[in-house]
Amino acid sequence: MSDTPAAPETRAKKPRARKSERPATLRLRLAKSGIATPVDQKATIRALGFRRVGEVVEREDTPSLRGRIRKIRHLVEILVEGDGSRAKS
């Protein structure tokens, strides 16, 4: 009696969430200066692409971007698409 190992059952993959045709973007504005902030927050400001206070950048909405925004949320504003007004965050 030679028992051959049974092939493991293959599970059906879960369907992935559909990505929208156009990736979601966020418009961010640096509202306050980063002069008196810790070095890691200054690095985050630069990583988001800010160079000056009042500058507006547009970035693709990803979890890593949300984490960066959370780190410096007291310095940035998220702008609503179109009219340039502030969004509540």
Protein backbone atom coordinates (compact mmCIF):
# COMPACT_ATOMS: atom_id res chain seq x y z
CA MET A 1 0.00 0.00 0.00
CA SER A 2 1.67 3.11 -1.15
CA ASP A 3 -0.16 6.23 -0.16
CA THR A 4 0.58 9.11 -2.45
CA PRO A 5 0.11 12.53 -0.98
CA ALA A 6 -3.15 14.10 -2.07
CA ALA A 7 -2.99 17.32 -4.00
CA PRO A 8 -3.97 20.28 -1.82
CA GLU A 9 -7.35 21.73 -2.55
CA THR A 10 -7.27 24.91 -4.52
CA ARG A 11 -9.41 27.69 -3.20
CA ALA A 12 -11.32 29.99 -5.42
CA LYS A 13 -9.75 33.43 -5.37
CA LYS A 14 -11.77 36.31 -4.05
CA PRO A 15 -12.70 38.81 -6.74
CA ARG A 16 -10.68 41.99 -6.47
CA ALA A 17 -12.35 45.32 -6.08
CA ARG A 18 -12.56 47.10 -9.40
CA LYS A 19 -10.28 50.04 -9.80
CA SER A 20 -11.88 53.11 -11.19
CA GLU A 21 -10.82 54.17 -14.65
CA ARG A 22 -9.22 57.31 -13.32
CA PRO A 23 -7.25 57.09 -10.06
CA ALA A 24 -8.57 59.24 -7.24
CA THR A 25 -6.43 62.25 -6.49
CA LEU A 26 -6.20 64.65 -3.59
CA ARG A 27 -5.31 68.32 -3.81
CA LEU A 28 -3.27 69.40 -0.79
CA ARG A 29 -2.20 72.86 0.35
CA LEU A 30 0.58 73.58 2.82
CA ALA A 31 -1.24 75.97 5.16
CA LYS A 32 1.43 76.49 7.82
CA SER A 33 5.18 76.64 7.86
CA GLY A 34 7.25 73.65 8.90
CA ILE A 35 10.08 75.75 10.40
CA ALA A 36 9.56 74.85 14.06
CA THR A 37 8.55 71.23 13.43
CA PRO A 38 10.58 68.07 14.11
CA VAL A 39 12.96 66.81 11.42
CA ASP A 40 10.73 63.85 10.51
CA GLN A 41 7.79 66.18 9.82
CA LYS A 42 9.99 68.40 7.66
CA ALA A 43 10.99 65.31 5.69
CA THR A 44 7.32 64.40 5.25
CA ILE A 45 6.56 67.89 3.93
CA ARG A 46 9.31 67.51 1.35
CA ALA A 47 8.22 63.95 0.48
CA LEU A 48 4.75 65.25 -0.38
CA GLY A 49 6.36 67.71 -2.78
CA PHE A 50 5.84 70.95 -0.89
CA ARG A 51 8.44 73.70 -1.20
CA ARG A 52 6.55 76.79 -0.03
CA VAL A 53 3.72 77.73 2.29
CA GLY A 54 0.50 78.07 0.30
CA GLU A 55 1.67 75.74 -2.46
CA VAL A 56 -0.92 73.29 -3.84
CA VAL A 57 0.07 69.79 -4.94
CA GLU A 58 -2.03 67.02 -6.43
CA ARG A 59 -1.25 63.43 -5.42
CA GLU A 60 -2.82 60.04 -6.07
CA ASP A 61 -4.93 58.91 -3.12
CA THR A 62 -3.20 55.90 -1.53
CA PRO A 63 -2.98 54.55 2.02
CA SER A 64 0.66 55.65 2.26
CA LEU A 65 -0.29 59.18 1.22
CA ARG A 66 -3.06 59.22 3.85
CA GLY A 67 -0.46 58.23 6.46
CA ARG A 68 1.83 61.08 5.44
CA ILE A 69 -1.06 63.53 5.59
CA ARG A 70 -2.00 62.25 9.03
CA LYS A 71 1.52 62.89 10.27
CA ILE A 72 1.40 66.57 9.31
CA ARG A 73 -2.36 67.13 9.44
CA HIS A 74 -1.88 70.28 11.51
CA LEU A 75 0.11 71.85 8.64
CA VAL A 76 -1.88 70.87 5.52
CA GLU A 77 -5.39 71.30 4.15
CA ILE A 78 -7.20 68.97 1.77
CA LEU A 79 -8.90 70.99 -0.96
CA VAL A 80 -12.19 70.06 -2.60
CA GLU A 81 -11.96 69.46 -6.35
CA GLY A 82 -13.15 72.32 -8.50
CA ASP A 83 -13.78 75.36 -6.33
CA GLY A 84 -10.59 75.31 -4.22
CA SER A 85 -12.43 75.47 -0.89
CA ARG A 86 -11.38 73.54 2.17
CA ALA A 87 -12.68 70.09 2.96
CA LYS A 88 -13.36 69.00 6.50
CA SER A 89 -10.77 66.43 7.51
